[in-house]
């Protein structure tokens, strides 16, 4: 029996829990400067490339430093990203370090305590 290709292309939506929506929206929209994601004329979250980052009220779950699945954002230069996050007074939970000889990886906490990882090719 032949197996059909699933055709997955990108991660379209990532949802994160937020205790304080105003604070979370300020963090992603102002502190990180992400563009709003608009669908049907309404803001549904923030854009990270082609992926929509949606913020969900507490009913969605409790923010955590160890979300499952883990979210990792690719960037051009992990060390420069870490420096820019520090300039914006964002908490760096894991300083950039070498991973698997080919990547640089670090992590930060959002305003709600969710840990987001970022990486770049070395």
PDB file of N, CA and C in Angstrom:
ATOM      1  N   UNK A   1       0.844  -1.177   0.000  1.00  0.00           N
ATOM      2  CA  UNK A   1       0.000   0.000   0.000  1.00  0.00           C
ATOM      3  C   UNK A   1       0.891   1.243   0.000  1.00  0.00           C
ATOM      4  N   UNK A   2       0.690   2.124  -0.951  1.00  0.00           N
ATOM      5  CA  UNK A   2       1.471   3.355  -1.056  1.00  0.00           C
ATOM      6  C   UNK A   2       1.022   4.347   0.018  1.00  0.00           C
ATOM      7  N   UNK A   3       2.000   5.043   0.572  1.00  0.00           N
ATOM      8  CA  UNK A   3       1.697   6.051   1.574  1.00  0.00           C
ATOM      9  C   UNK A   3       1.735   7.413   0.909  1.00  0.00           C
ATOM     10  N   UNK A   4       0.689   8.186   1.116  1.00  0.00           N
ATOM     11  CA  UNK A   4       0.646   9.542   0.561  1.00  0.00           C
ATOM     12  C   UNK A   4       1.537  10.475   1.362  1.00  0.00           C
ATOM     13  N   UNK A   5       2.139  11.405   0.649  1.00  0.00           N
ATOM     14  CA  UNK A   5       2.928  12.435   1.317  1.00  0.00           C
ATOM     15  C   UNK A   5       1.974  13.333   2.086  1.00  0.00           C
ATOM     16  N   UNK A   6       2.323  13.680   3.315  1.00  0.00           N
ATOM     17  CA  UNK A   6       1.459  14.530   4.127  1.00  0.00           C
ATOM     18  C   UNK A   6       1.489  15.982   3.677  1.00  0.00           C
ATOM     19  N   UNK A   7       2.606  16.430   3.141  1.00  0.00           N
ATOM     20  CA  UNK A   7       2.679  17.784   2.589  1.00  0.00           C
ATOM     21  C   UNK A   7       2.855  18.891   3.610  1.00  0.00           C
ATOM     22  N   UNK A   8       3.300  18.565   4.810  1.00  0.00           N
ATOM     23  CA  UNK A   8       3.543  19.622   5.789  1.00  0.00           C
ATOM     24  C   UNK A   8       4.584  20.587   5.246  1.00  0.00           C
ATOM     25  N   UNK A   9       4.379  21.891   5.428  1.00  0.00           N
ATOM     26  CA  UNK A   9       5.299  22.908   4.909  1.00  0.00           C
ATOM     27  C   UNK A   9       5.928  23.749   6.021  1.00  0.00           C
ATOM     28  N   UNK A  10       5.096  24.280   6.906  1.00  0.00           N
ATOM     29  CA  UNK A  10       5.587  25.149   7.983  1.00  0.00           C
ATOM     30  C   UNK A  10       4.716  24.928   9.212  1.00  0.00           C
ATOM     31  N   UNK A  11       5.169  25.438  10.348  1.00  0.00           N
ATOM     32  CA  UNK A  11       4.310  25.525  11.528  1.00  0.00           C
ATOM     33  C   UNK A  11       3.488  26.791  11.337  1.00  0.00           C
ATOM     34  N   UNK A  12       2.190  26.679  11.261  1.00  0.00           N
ATOM     35  CA  UNK A  12       1.326  27.833  10.982  1.00  0.00           C
ATOM     36  C   UNK A  12       0.971  28.611  12.237  1.00  0.00           C
ATOM     37  N   UNK A  13       0.653  27.914  13.336  1.00  0.00           N
ATOM     38  CA  UNK A  13       0.221  28.584  14.564  1.00  0.00           C
ATOM     39  C   UNK A  13       0.891  27.933  15.770  1.00  0.00           C
ATOM     40  N   UNK A  14       1.354  28.772  16.686  1.00  0.00           N
ATOM     41  CA  UNK A  14       1.827  28.341  17.989  1.00  0.00           C
ATOM     42  C   UNK A  14       1.007  29.130  19.005  1.00  0.00           C
ATOM     43  N   UNK A  15       0.436  28.450  19.987  1.00  0.00           N
ATOM     44  CA  UNK A  15      -0.359  29.127  21.018  1.00  0.00           C
ATOM     45  C   UNK A  15       0.366  29.036  22.353  1.00  0.00           C
ATOM     46  N   UNK A  16       0.426  30.163  23.052  1.00  0.00           N
ATOM     47  CA  UNK A  16       1.040  30.221  24.371  1.00  0.00           C
ATOM     48  C   UNK A  16       0.031  30.748  25.378  1.00  0.00           C
ATOM     49  N   UNK A  17       0.085  30.209  26.590  1.00  0.00           N
ATOM     50  CA  UNK A  17      -0.787  30.671  27.669  1.00  0.00           C
ATOM     51  C   UNK A  17      -0.317  32.033  28.182  1.00  0.00           C
ATOM     52  N   UNK A  18      -1.277  32.847  28.609  1.00  0.00           N
ATOM     53  CA  UNK A  18      -0.977  34.159  29.181  1.00  0.00           C
ATOM     54  C   UNK A  18      -1.876  34.391  30.392  1.00  0.00           C
ATOM     55  N   UNK A  19      -1.295  34.829  31.484  1.00  0.00           N
ATOM     56  CA  UNK A  19      -2.080  35.173  32.674  1.00  0.00           C
ATOM     57  C   UNK A  19      -2.663  36.576  32.551  1.00  0.00           C
ATOM     58  N   UNK A  20      -1.886  37.479  31.946  1.00  0.00           N
ATOM     59  CA  UNK A  20      -2.276  38.885  31.824  1.00  0.00           C
ATOM     60  C   UNK A  20      -2.157  39.257  30.345  1.00  0.00           C
ATOM     61  N   UNK A  21      -3.289  39.286  29.646  1.00  0.00           N
ATOM     62  CA  UNK A  21      -3.273  39.510  28.196  1.00  0.00           C
ATOM     63  C   UNK A  21      -2.691  40.874  27.824  1.00  0.00           C
ATOM     64  N   UNK A  22      -2.998  41.915  28.588  1.00  0.00           N
ATOM     65  CA  UNK A  22      -2.459  43.242  28.265  1.00  0.00           C
ATOM     66  C   UNK A  22      -0.937  43.237  28.373  1.00  0.00           C
ATOM     67  N   UNK A  23      -0.428  42.627  29.437  1.00  0.00           N
ATOM     68  CA  UNK A  23       1.022  42.548  29.622  1.00  0.00           C
ATOM     69  C   UNK A  23       1.661  41.711  28.514  1.00  0.00           C
ATOM     70  N   UNK A  24       1.047  40.583  28.178  1.00  0.00           N
ATOM     71  CA  UNK A  24       1.585  39.715  27.125  1.00  0.00           C
ATOM     72  C   UNK A  24       1.566  40.421  25.774  1.00  0.00           C
ATOM     73  N   UNK A  25       0.479  41.122  25.461  1.00  0.00           N
ATOM     74  CA  UNK A  25       0.401  41.855  24.199  1.00  0.00           C
ATOM     75  C   UNK A  25       1.452  42.959  24.145  1.00  0.00           C
ATOM     76  N   UNK A  26       1.702  43.625  25.253  1.00  0.00           N
ATOM     77  CA  UNK A  26       2.746  44.648  25.295  1.00  0.00           C
ATOM     78  C   UNK A  26       4.114  44.010  25.043  1.00  0.00           C
ATOM     79  N   UNK A  27       4.373  42.877  25.673  1.00  0.00           N
ATOM     80  CA  UNK A  27       5.661  42.205  25.519  1.00  0.00           C
ATOM     81  C   UNK A  27       5.905  41.835  24.058  1.00  0.00           C
ATOM     82  N   UNK A  28       4.965  41.154  23.428  1.00  0.00           N
ATOM     83  CA  UNK A  28       5.173  40.692  22.054  1.00  0.00           C
ATOM     84  C   UNK A  28       5.065  41.830  21.037  1.00  0.00           C
ATOM     85  N   UNK A  29       4.139  42.749  21.241  1.00  0.00           N
ATOM     86  CA  UNK A  29       3.946  43.832  20.281  1.00  0.00           C
ATOM     87  C   UNK A  29       4.935  44.974  20.424  1.00  0.00           C
ATOM     88  N   UNK A  30       5.268  45.336  21.668  1.00  0.00           N
ATOM     89  CA  UNK A  30       6.139  46.483  21.908  1.00  0.00           C
ATOM     90  C   UNK A  30       7.563  46.061  22.244  1.00  0.00           C
ATOM     91  N   UNK A  31       7.736  45.232  23.262  1.00  0.00           N
ATOM     92  CA  UNK A  31       9.084  44.846  23.675  1.00  0.00           C
ATOM     93  C   UNK A  31       9.812  44.100  22.567  1.00  0.00           C
ATOM     94  N   UNK A  32       9.157  43.079  21.999  1.00  0.00           N
ATOM     95  CA  UNK A  32       9.785  42.327  20.909  1.00  0.00           C
ATOM     96  C   UNK A  32       9.538  42.958  19.547  1.00  0.00           C
ATOM     97  N   UNK A  33       8.525  43.802  19.428  1.00  0.00           N
ATOM     98  CA  UNK A  33       8.256  44.500  18.173  1.00  0.00           C
ATOM     99  C   UNK A  33       7.729  43.610  17.058  1.00  0.00           C
ATOM    100  N   UNK A  34       6.995  42.556  17.405  1.00  0.00           N
ATOM    101  CA  UNK A  34       6.435  41.676  16.374  1.00  0.00           C
ATOM    102  C   UNK A  34       5.231  42.328  15.712  1.00  0.00           C
ATOM    103  N   UNK A  35       5.069  42.071  14.423  1.00  0.00           N
ATOM    104  CA  UNK A  35       3.937  42.587  13.665  1.00  0.00           C
ATOM    105  C   UNK A  35       2.679  41.808  14.031  1.00  0.00           C
ATOM    106  N   UNK A  36       1.530  42.486  14.065  1.00  0.00           N
ATOM    107  CA  UNK A  36       0.287  41.759  14.350  1.00  0.00           C
ATOM    108  C   UNK A  36      -0.096  40.829  13.199  1.00  0.00           C
ATOM    109  N   UNK A  37      -0.699  39.707  13.549  1.00  0.00           N
ATOM    110  CA  UNK A  37      -1.251  38.767  12.563  1.00  0.00           C
ATOM    111  C   UNK A  37      -2.737  39.082  12.465  1.00  0.00           C
ATOM    112  N   UNK A  38      -3.189  39.392  11.264  1.00  0.00           N
ATOM    113  CA  UNK A  38      -4.583  39.765  11.032  1.00  0.00           C
ATOM    114  C   UNK A  38      -5.252  38.695  10.183  1.00  0.00           C
ATOM    115  N   UNK A  39      -6.379  38.203  10.651  1.00  0.00           N
ATOM    116  CA  UNK A  39      -7.180  37.244   9.879  1.00  0.00           C
ATOM    117  C   UNK A  39      -8.633  37.663   9.989  1.00  0.00           C
ATOM    118  N   UNK A  40      -9.316  37.753   8.864  1.00  0.00           N
ATOM    119  CA  UNK A  40     -10.714  38.173   8.871  1.00  0.00           C
ATOM    120  C   UNK A  40     -10.906  39.564   9.425  1.00  0.00           C
ATOM    121  N   UNK A  41      -9.893  40.416   9.265  1.00  0.00           N
ATOM    122  CA  UNK A  41      -9.982  41.794   9.742  1.00  0.00           C
ATOM    123  C   UNK A  41      -9.724  41.956  11.236  1.00  0.00           C
ATOM    124  N   UNK A  42      -9.410  40.875  11.933  1.00  0.00           N
ATOM    125  CA  UNK A  42      -9.165  40.950  13.368  1.00  0.00           C
ATOM    126  C   UNK A  42      -7.758  40.470  13.711  1.00  0.00           C
ATOM    127  N   UNK A  43      -7.172  41.091  14.738  1.00  0.00           N
ATOM    128  CA  UNK A  43      -5.859  40.662  15.208  1.00  0.00           C
ATOM    129  C   UNK A  43      -6.019  39.338  15.943  1.00  0.00           C
ATOM    130  N   UNK A  44      -5.243  38.341  15.519  1.00  0.00           N
ATOM    131  CA  UNK A  44      -5.328  37.016  16.137  1.00  0.00           C
ATOM    132  C   UNK A  44      -4.047  36.649  16.874  1.00  0.00           C
ATOM    133  N   UNK A  45      -3.018  37.479  16.753  1.00  0.00           N
ATOM    134  CA  UNK A  45      -1.744  37.194  17.400  1.00  0.00           C
ATOM    135  C   UNK A  45      -0.650  38.021  16.769  1.00  0.00           C
ATOM    136  N   UNK A  46       0.546  37.424  16.690  1.00  0.00           N
ATOM    137  CA  UNK A  46       1.716  38.110  16.148  1.00  0.00           C
ATOM    138  C   UNK A  46       2.406  37.218  15.139  1.00  0.00           C
ATOM    139  N   UNK A  47       3.043  37.840  14.149  1.00  0.00           N
ATOM    140  CA  UNK A  47       3.740  37.087  13.113  1.00  0.00           C
ATOM    141  C   UNK A  47       5.206  36.867  13.463  1.00  0.00           C
ATOM    142  N   UNK A  48       5.650  35.631  13.271  1.00  0.00           N
ATOM    143  CA  UNK A  48       7.062  35.281  13.312  1.00  0.00           C
ATOM    144  C   UNK A  48       7.289  34.554  11.999  1.00  0.00           C
ATOM    145  N   UNK A  49       7.740  35.299  10.996  1.00  0.00           N
ATOM    146  CA  UNK A  49       7.821  34.750   9.642  1.00  0.00           C
ATOM    147  C   UNK A  49       6.407  34.444   9.166  1.00  0.00           C
ATOM    148  N   UNK A  50       6.161  33.208   8.761  1.00  0.00           N
ATOM    149  CA  UNK A  50       4.826  32.795   8.320  1.00  0.00           C
ATOM    150  C   UNK A  50       4.016  32.152   9.439  1.00  0.00           C
ATOM    151  N   UNK A  51       4.570  32.117  10.640  1.00  0.00           N
ATOM    152  CA  UNK A  51       3.900  31.479  11.774  1.00  0.00           C
ATOM    153  C   UNK A  51       3.183  32.522  12.616  1.00  0.00           C
ATOM    154  N   UNK A  52       1.973  32.186  13.043  1.00  0.00           N
ATOM    155  CA  UNK A  52       1.198  33.058  13.920  1.00  0.00           C
ATOM    156  C   UNK A  52       1.416  32.601  15.361  1.00  0.00           C
ATOM    157  N   UNK A  53       1.839  33.518  16.216  1.00  0.00           N
ATOM    158  CA  UNK A  53       1.948  33.270  17.643  1.00  0.00           C
ATOM    159  C   UNK A  53       0.671  33.807  18.279  1.00  0.00           C
ATOM    160  N   UNK A  54      -0.153  32.907  18.806  1.00  0.00           N
ATOM    161  CA  UNK A  54      -1.412  33.304  19.444  1.00  0.00           C
ATOM    162  C   UNK A  54      -1.229  33.270  20.954  1.00  0.00           C
ATOM    163  N   UNK A  55      -1.814  34.238  21.629  1.00  0.00           N
ATOM    164  CA  UNK A  55      -1.805  34.282  23.084  1.00  0.00           C
ATOM    165  C   UNK A  55      -3.183  33.859  23.565  1.00  0.00           C
ATOM    166  N   UNK A  56      -3.214  32.959  24.517  1.00  0.00           N
ATOM    167  CA  UNK A  56      -4.477  32.430  25.023  1.00  0.00           C
ATOM    168  C   UNK A  56      -4.601  32.721  26.509  1.00  0.00           C
ATOM    169  N   UNK A  57      -5.830  33.086  26.932  1.00  0.00           N
ATOM    170  CA  UNK A  57      -6.102  33.342  28.343  1.00  0.00           C
ATOM    171  C   UNK A  57      -5.783  32.123  29.190  1.00  0.00           C
ATOM    172  N   UNK A  58      -5.756  32.331  30.493  1.00  0.00           N
ATOM    173  CA  UNK A  58      -5.419  31.291  31.465  1.00  0.00           C
ATOM    174  C   UNK A  58      -6.160  29.971  31.247  1.00  0.00           C
ATOM    175  N   UNK A  59      -7.351  30.012  30.660  1.00  0.00           N
ATOM    176  CA  UNK A  59      -8.101  28.764  30.452  1.00  0.00           C
ATOM    177  C   UNK A  59      -7.329  27.788  29.593  1.00  0.00           C
ATOM    178  N   UNK A  60      -6.391  28.311  28.788  1.00  0.00           N
ATOM    179  CA  UNK A  60      -5.621  27.477  27.863  1.00  0.00           C
ATOM    180  C   UNK A  60      -4.599  26.622  28.603  1.00  0.00           C
ATOM    181  N   UNK A  61      -4.161  27.103  29.717  1.00  0.00           N
ATOM    182  CA  UNK A  61      -3.138  26.402  30.488  1.00  0.00           C
ATOM    183  C   UNK A  61      -2.308  27.395  31.265  1.00  0.00           C
ATOM    184  N   UNK A  62      -1.426  26.909  32.058  1.00  0.00           N
ATOM    185  CA  UNK A  62      -0.569  27.760  32.868  1.00  0.00           C
ATOM    186  C   UNK A  62       0.735  28.006  32.129  1.00  0.00           C
ATOM    187  N   UNK A  63       1.170  29.281  32.041  1.00  0.00           N
ATOM    188  CA  UNK A  63       2.470  29.534  31.417  1.00  0.00           C
ATOM    189  C   UNK A  63       3.554  28.718  32.118  1.00  0.00           C
ATOM    190  N   UNK A  64       4.527  28.283  31.352  1.00  0.00           N
ATOM    191  CA  UNK A  64       5.575  27.436  31.903  1.00  0.00           C
ATOM    192  C   UNK A  64       6.903  27.669  31.204  1.00  0.00           C
ATOM    193  N   UNK A  65       7.967  27.490  31.945  1.00  0.00           N
ATOM    194  CA  UNK A  65       9.306  27.609  31.365  1.00  0.00           C
ATOM    195  C   UNK A  65       9.678  26.354  30.574  1.00  0.00           C
ATOM    196  N   UNK A  66       8.866  25.323  30.652  1.00  0.00           N
ATOM    197  CA  UNK A  66       9.137  24.076  29.930  1.00  0.00           C
ATOM    198  C   UNK A  66       7.917  23.641  29.129  1.00  0.00           C
ATOM    199  N   UNK A  67       7.475  24.460  28.148  1.00  0.00           N
ATOM    200  CA  UNK A  67       6.306  24.060  27.382  1.00  0.00           C
ATOM    201  C   UNK A  67       6.574  22.788  26.590  1.00  0.00           C
ATOM    202  N   UNK A  68       5.539  22.041  26.360  1.00  0.00           N
ATOM    203  CA  UNK A  68       5.664  20.817  25.586  1.00  0.00           C
ATOM    204  C   UNK A  68       4.647  20.903  24.467  1.00  0.00           C
ATOM    205  N   UNK A  69       4.996  21.050  23.229  1.00  0.00           N
ATOM    206  CA  UNK A  69       6.354  20.934  22.711  1.00  0.00           C
ATOM    207  C   UNK A  69       7.158  22.220  22.926  1.00  0.00           C
ATOM    208  N   UNK A  70       8.441  22.063  22.877  1.00  0.00           N
ATOM    209  CA  UNK A  70       9.352  23.189  23.016  1.00  0.00           C
ATOM    210  C   UNK A  70       9.301  24.031  21.743  1.00  0.00           C
ATOM    211  N   UNK A  71       9.328  25.331  21.889  1.00  0.00           N
ATOM    212  CA  UNK A  71       9.274  26.252  20.751  1.00  0.00           C
ATOM    213  C   UNK A  71      10.660  26.850  20.551  1.00  0.00           C
ATOM    214  N   UNK A  72      11.205  26.721  19.341  1.00  0.00           N
ATOM    215  CA  UNK A  72      12.504  27.295  19.008  1.00  0.00           C
ATOM    216  C   UNK A  72      12.346  28.170  17.774  1.00  0.00           C
ATOM    217  N   UNK A  73      12.788  29.411  17.882  1.00  0.00           N
ATOM    218  CA  UNK A  73      12.704  30.380  16.792  1.00  0.00           C
ATOM    219  C   UNK A  73      14.068  30.502  16.129  1.00  0.00           C
ATOM    220  N   UNK A  74      14.109  30.373  14.826  1.00  0.00           N
ATOM    221  CA  UNK A  74      15.368  30.539  14.101  1.00  0.00           C
ATOM    222  C   UNK A  74      15.631  32.026  13.911  1.00  0.00           C
ATOM    223  N   UNK A  75      16.879  32.426  14.089  1.00  0.00           N
ATOM    224  CA  UNK A  75      17.267  33.820  13.883  1.00  0.00           C
ATOM    225  C   UNK A  75      18.575  33.841  13.094  1.00  0.00           C
ATOM    226  N   UNK A  76      18.965  35.018  12.648  1.00  0.00           N
ATOM    227  CA  UNK A  76      20.164  35.136  11.825  1.00  0.00           C
ATOM    228  C   UNK A  76      21.438  34.947  12.651  1.00  0.00           C
ATOM    229  N   UNK A  77      21.451  35.476  13.880  1.00  0.00           N
ATOM    230  CA  UNK A  77      22.649  35.442  14.717  1.00  0.00           C
ATOM    231  C   UNK A  77      22.207  35.367  16.171  1.00  0.00           C
ATOM    232  N   UNK A  78      22.305  34.205  16.781  1.00  0.00           N
ATOM    233  CA  UNK A  78      21.811  33.999  18.147  1.00  0.00           C
ATOM    234  C   UNK A  78      22.478  34.938  19.150  1.00  0.00           C
ATOM    235  N   UNK A  79      23.772  35.196  18.982  1.00  0.00           N
ATOM    236  CA  UNK A  79      24.450  36.088  19.932  1.00  0.00           C
ATOM    237  C   UNK A  79      23.906  37.518  19.824  1.00  0.00           C
ATOM    238  N   UNK A  80      23.665  37.981  18.597  1.00  0.00           N
ATOM    239  CA  UNK A  80      23.099  39.320  18.402  1.00  0.00           C
ATOM    240  C   UNK A  80      21.664  39.381  18.931  1.00  0.00           C
ATOM    241  N   UNK A  81      20.912  38.299  18.752  1.00  0.00           N
ATOM    242  CA  UNK A  81      19.546  38.252  19.275  1.00  0.00           C
ATOM    243  C   UNK A  81      19.559  38.328  20.790  1.00  0.00           C
ATOM    244  N   UNK A  82      20.456  37.580  21.423  1.00  0.00           N
ATOM    245  CA  UNK A  82      20.560  37.634  22.886  1.00  0.00           C
ATOM    246  C   UNK A  82      20.883  39.054  23.351  1.00  0.00           C
ATOM    247  N   UNK A  83      21.823  39.709  22.695  1.00  0.00           N
ATOM    248  CA  UNK A  83      22.196  41.077  23.066  1.00  0.00           C
ATOM    249  C   UNK A  83      21.008  42.026  22.912  1.00  0.00           C
ATOM    250  N   UNK A  84      20.264  41.889  21.817  1.00  0.00           N
ATOM    251  CA  UNK A  84      19.100  42.754  21.588  1.00  0.00           C
ATOM    252  C   UNK A  84      18.014  42.504  22.634  1.00  0.00           C
ATOM    253  N   UNK A  85      17.815  41.240  23.019  1.00  0.00           N
ATOM    254  CA  UNK A  85      16.830  40.922  24.061  1.00  0.00           C
ATOM    255  C   UNK A  85      17.255  41.531  25.396  1.00  0.00           C
ATOM    256  N   UNK A  86      18.533  41.430  25.724  1.00  0.00           N
ATOM    257  CA  UNK A  86      19.035  42.018  26.970  1.00  0.00           C
ATOM    258  C   UNK A  86      18.841  43.538  26.977  1.00  0.00           C
ATOM    259  N   UNK A  87      19.087  44.196  25.832  1.00  0.00           N
ATOM    260  CA  UNK A  87      18.880  45.646  25.737  1.00  0.00           C
ATOM    261  C   UNK A  87      17.429  46.014  26.020  1.00  0.00           C
ATOM    262  N   UNK A  88      16.520  45.119  25.691  1.00  0.00           N
ATOM    263  CA  UNK A  88      15.086  45.348  25.923  1.00  0.00           C
ATOM    264  C   UNK A  88      14.655  44.858  27.300  1.00  0.00           C
ATOM    265  N   UNK A  89      15.632  44.483  28.118  1.00  0.00           N
ATOM    266  CA  UNK A  89      15.411  44.019  29.491  1.00  0.00           C
ATOM    267  C   UNK A  89      14.568  42.754  29.556  1.00  0.00           C
ATOM    268  N   UNK A  90      14.724  41.892  28.548  1.00  0.00           N
ATOM    269  CA  UNK A  90      14.060  40.600  28.534  1.00  0.00           C
ATOM    270  C   UNK A  90      14.929  39.617  29.315  1.00  0.00           C
ATOM    271  N   UNK A  91      14.303  38.783  30.132  1.00  0.00           N
ATOM    272  CA  UNK A  91      15.029  37.803  30.940  1.00  0.00           C
ATOM    273  C   UNK A  91      15.591  36.687  30.057  1.00  0.00           C
ATOM    274  N   UNK A  92      16.894  36.545  30.074  1.00  0.00           N
ATOM    275  CA  UNK A  92      17.554  35.444  29.355  1.00  0.00           C
ATOM    276  C   UNK A  92      17.651  34.285  30.344  1.00  0.00           C
ATOM    277  N   UNK A  93      16.935  33.212  30.055  1.00  0.00           N
ATOM    278  CA  UNK A  93      16.940  32.053  30.961  1.00  0.00           C
ATOM    279  C   UNK A  93      18.101  31.123  30.669  1.00  0.00           C
ATOM    280  N   UNK A  94      18.523  31.065  29.409  1.00  0.00           N
ATOM    281  CA  UNK A  94      19.625  30.207  28.993  1.00  0.00           C
ATOM    282  C   UNK A  94      20.475  31.002  28.004  1.00  0.00           C
ATOM    283  N   UNK A  95      21.672  31.380  28.442  1.00  0.00           N
ATOM    284  CA  UNK A  95      22.568  32.146  27.568  1.00  0.00           C
ATOM    285  C   UNK A  95      22.910  31.316  26.332  1.00  0.00           C
ATOM    286  N   UNK A  96      23.214  32.005  25.260  1.00  0.00           N
ATOM    287  CA  UNK A  96      23.562  31.323  24.009  1.00  0.00           C
ATOM    288  C   UNK A  96      24.766  30.421  24.235  1.00  0.00           C
ATOM    289  N   UNK A  97      24.632  29.210  23.744  1.00  0.00           N
ATOM    290  CA  UNK A  97      25.688  28.215  23.873  1.00  0.00           C
ATOM    291  C   UNK A  97      25.700  27.375  22.602  1.00  0.00           C
ATOM    292  N   UNK A  98      26.799  26.733  22.359  1.00  0.00           N
ATOM    293  CA  UNK A  98      26.936  25.870  21.187  1.00  0.00           C
ATOM    294  C   UNK A  98      26.141  24.593  21.406  1.00  0.00           C
ATOM    295  N   UNK A  99      25.440  24.160  20.377  1.00  0.00           N
ATOM    296  CA  UNK A  99      24.680  22.919  20.419  1.00  0.00           C
ATOM    297  C   UNK A  99      25.021  22.100  19.185  1.00  0.00           C
ATOM    298  N   UNK A 100      25.413  20.886  19.370  1.00  0.00           N
ATOM    299  CA  UNK A 100      25.646  19.947  18.267  1.00  0.00           C
ATOM    300  C   UNK A 100      26.650  20.478  17.234  1.00  0.00           C
ATOM    301  N   UNK A 101      27.610  21.253  17.649  1.00  0.00           N
ATOM    302  CA  UNK A 101      28.685  21.789  16.822  1.00  0.00           C
ATOM    303  C   UNK A 101      28.252  22.668  15.652  1.00  0.00           C
ATOM    304  N   UNK A 102      26.978  22.665  15.287  1.00  0.00           N
ATOM    305  CA  UNK A 102      26.523  23.439  14.133  1.00  0.00           C
ATOM    306  C   UNK A 102      25.611  24.606  14.482  1.00  0.00           C
ATOM    307  N   UNK A 103      25.138  24.670  15.712  1.00  0.00           N
ATOM    308  CA  UNK A 103      24.120  25.665  16.069  1.00  0.00           C
ATOM    309  C   UNK A 103      24.504  26.398  17.339  1.00  0.00           C
ATOM    310  N   UNK A 104      24.000  27.621  17.437  1.00  0.00           N
ATOM    311  CA  UNK A 104      24.058  28.396  18.670  1.00  0.00           C
ATOM    312  C   UNK A 104      22.619  28.513  19.162  1.00  0.00           C
ATOM    313  N   UNK A 105      22.405  28.203  20.448  1.00  0.00           N
ATOM    314  CA  UNK A 105      21.053  28.151  20.993  1.00  0.00           C
ATOM    315  C   UNK A 105      21.001  28.896  22.325  1.00  0.00           C
ATOM    316  N   UNK A 106      19.932  29.655  22.528  1.00  0.00           N
ATOM    317  CA  UNK A 106      19.676  30.341  23.795  1.00  0.00           C
ATOM    318  C   UNK A 106      18.189  30.356  24.059  1.00  0.00           C
ATOM    319  N   UNK A 107      17.777  30.905  25.195  1.00  0.00           N
ATOM    320  CA  UNK A 107      16.353  30.969  25.521  1.00  0.00           C
ATOM    321  C   UNK A 107      16.057  32.197  26.364  1.00  0.00           C
ATOM    322  N   UNK A 108      14.804  32.667  26.268  1.00  0.00           N
ATOM    323  CA  UNK A 108      14.350  33.790  27.080  1.00  0.00           C
ATOM    324  C   UNK A 108      12.960  33.490  27.613  1.00  0.00           C
ATOM    325  N   UNK A 109      12.569  34.246  28.645  1.00  0.00           N
ATOM    326  CA  UNK A 109      11.229  34.121  29.203  1.00  0.00           C
ATOM    327  C   UNK A 109      10.386  35.283  28.727  1.00  0.00           C
ATOM    328  N   UNK A 110       9.141  34.976  28.325  1.00  0.00           N
ATOM    329  CA  UNK A 110       8.241  36.062  27.954  1.00  0.00           C
ATOM    330  C   UNK A 110       7.661  36.679  29.226  1.00  0.00           C
ATOM    331  N   UNK A 111       6.784  37.644  29.078  1.00  0.00           N
ATOM    332  CA  UNK A 111       6.222  38.352  30.222  1.00  0.00           C
ATOM    333  C   UNK A 111       5.399  37.447  31.115  1.00  0.00           C
ATOM    334  N   UNK A 112       4.984  36.291  30.613  1.00  0.00           N
ATOM    335  CA  UNK A 112       4.126  35.382  31.369  1.00  0.00           C
ATOM    336  C   UNK A 112       4.884  34.219  31.980  1.00  0.00           C
ATOM    337  N   UNK A 113       6.178  34.103  31.683  1.00  0.00           N
ATOM    338  CA  UNK A 113       6.988  33.020  32.215  1.00  0.00           C
ATOM    339  C   UNK A 113       7.167  31.856  31.261  1.00  0.00           C
ATOM    340  N   UNK A 114       6.645  31.964  30.025  1.00  0.00           N
ATOM    341  CA  UNK A 114       6.874  30.927  29.018  1.00  0.00           C
ATOM    342  C   UNK A 114       8.297  31.039  28.505  1.00  0.00           C
ATOM    343  N   UNK A 115       8.977  29.902  28.375  1.00  0.00           N
ATOM    344  CA  UNK A 115      10.333  29.900  27.836  1.00  0.00           C
ATOM    345  C   UNK A 115      10.273  29.681  26.332  1.00  0.00           C
ATOM    346  N   UNK A 116      10.949  30.578  25.593  1.00  0.00           N
ATOM    347  CA  UNK A 116      11.071  30.462  24.147  1.00  0.00           C
ATOM    348  C   UNK A 116      12.550  30.341  23.813  1.00  0.00           C
ATOM    349  N   UNK A 117      12.881  29.374  22.993  1.00  0.00           N
ATOM    350  CA  UNK A 117      14.248  29.150  22.571  1.00  0.00           C
ATOM    351  C   UNK A 117      14.497  29.852  21.243  1.00  0.00           C
ATOM    352  N   UNK A 118      15.743  30.178  20.956  1.00  0.00           N
ATOM    353  CA  UNK A 118      16.115  30.742  19.658  1.00  0.00           C
ATOM    354  C   UNK A 118      17.451  30.143  19.253  1.00  0.00           C
ATOM    355  N   UNK A 119      17.664  30.062  17.948  1.00  0.00           N
ATOM    356  CA  UNK A 119      18.886  29.429  17.451  1.00  0.00           C
ATOM    357  C   UNK A 119      19.332  30.048  16.142  1.00  0.00           C
ATOM    358  N   UNK A 120      20.591  29.854  15.844  1.00  0.00           N
ATOM    359  CA  UNK A 120      21.126  30.229  14.535  1.00  0.00           C
ATOM    360  C   UNK A 120      22.189  29.208  14.154  1.00  0.00           C
ATOM    361  N   UNK A 121      22.471  29.154  12.856  1.00  0.00           N
ATOM    362  CA  UNK A 121      23.580  28.345  12.410  1.00  0.00           C
ATOM    363  C   UNK A 121      24.849  29.003  12.907  1.00  0.00           C
ATOM    364  N   UNK A 122      25.835  28.192  13.219  1.00  0.00           N
ATOM    365  CA  UNK A 122      27.090  28.747  13.726  1.00  0.00           C
ATOM    366  C   UNK A 122      27.905  29.322  12.588  1.00  0.00           C
TER     367      UNK A 122
END
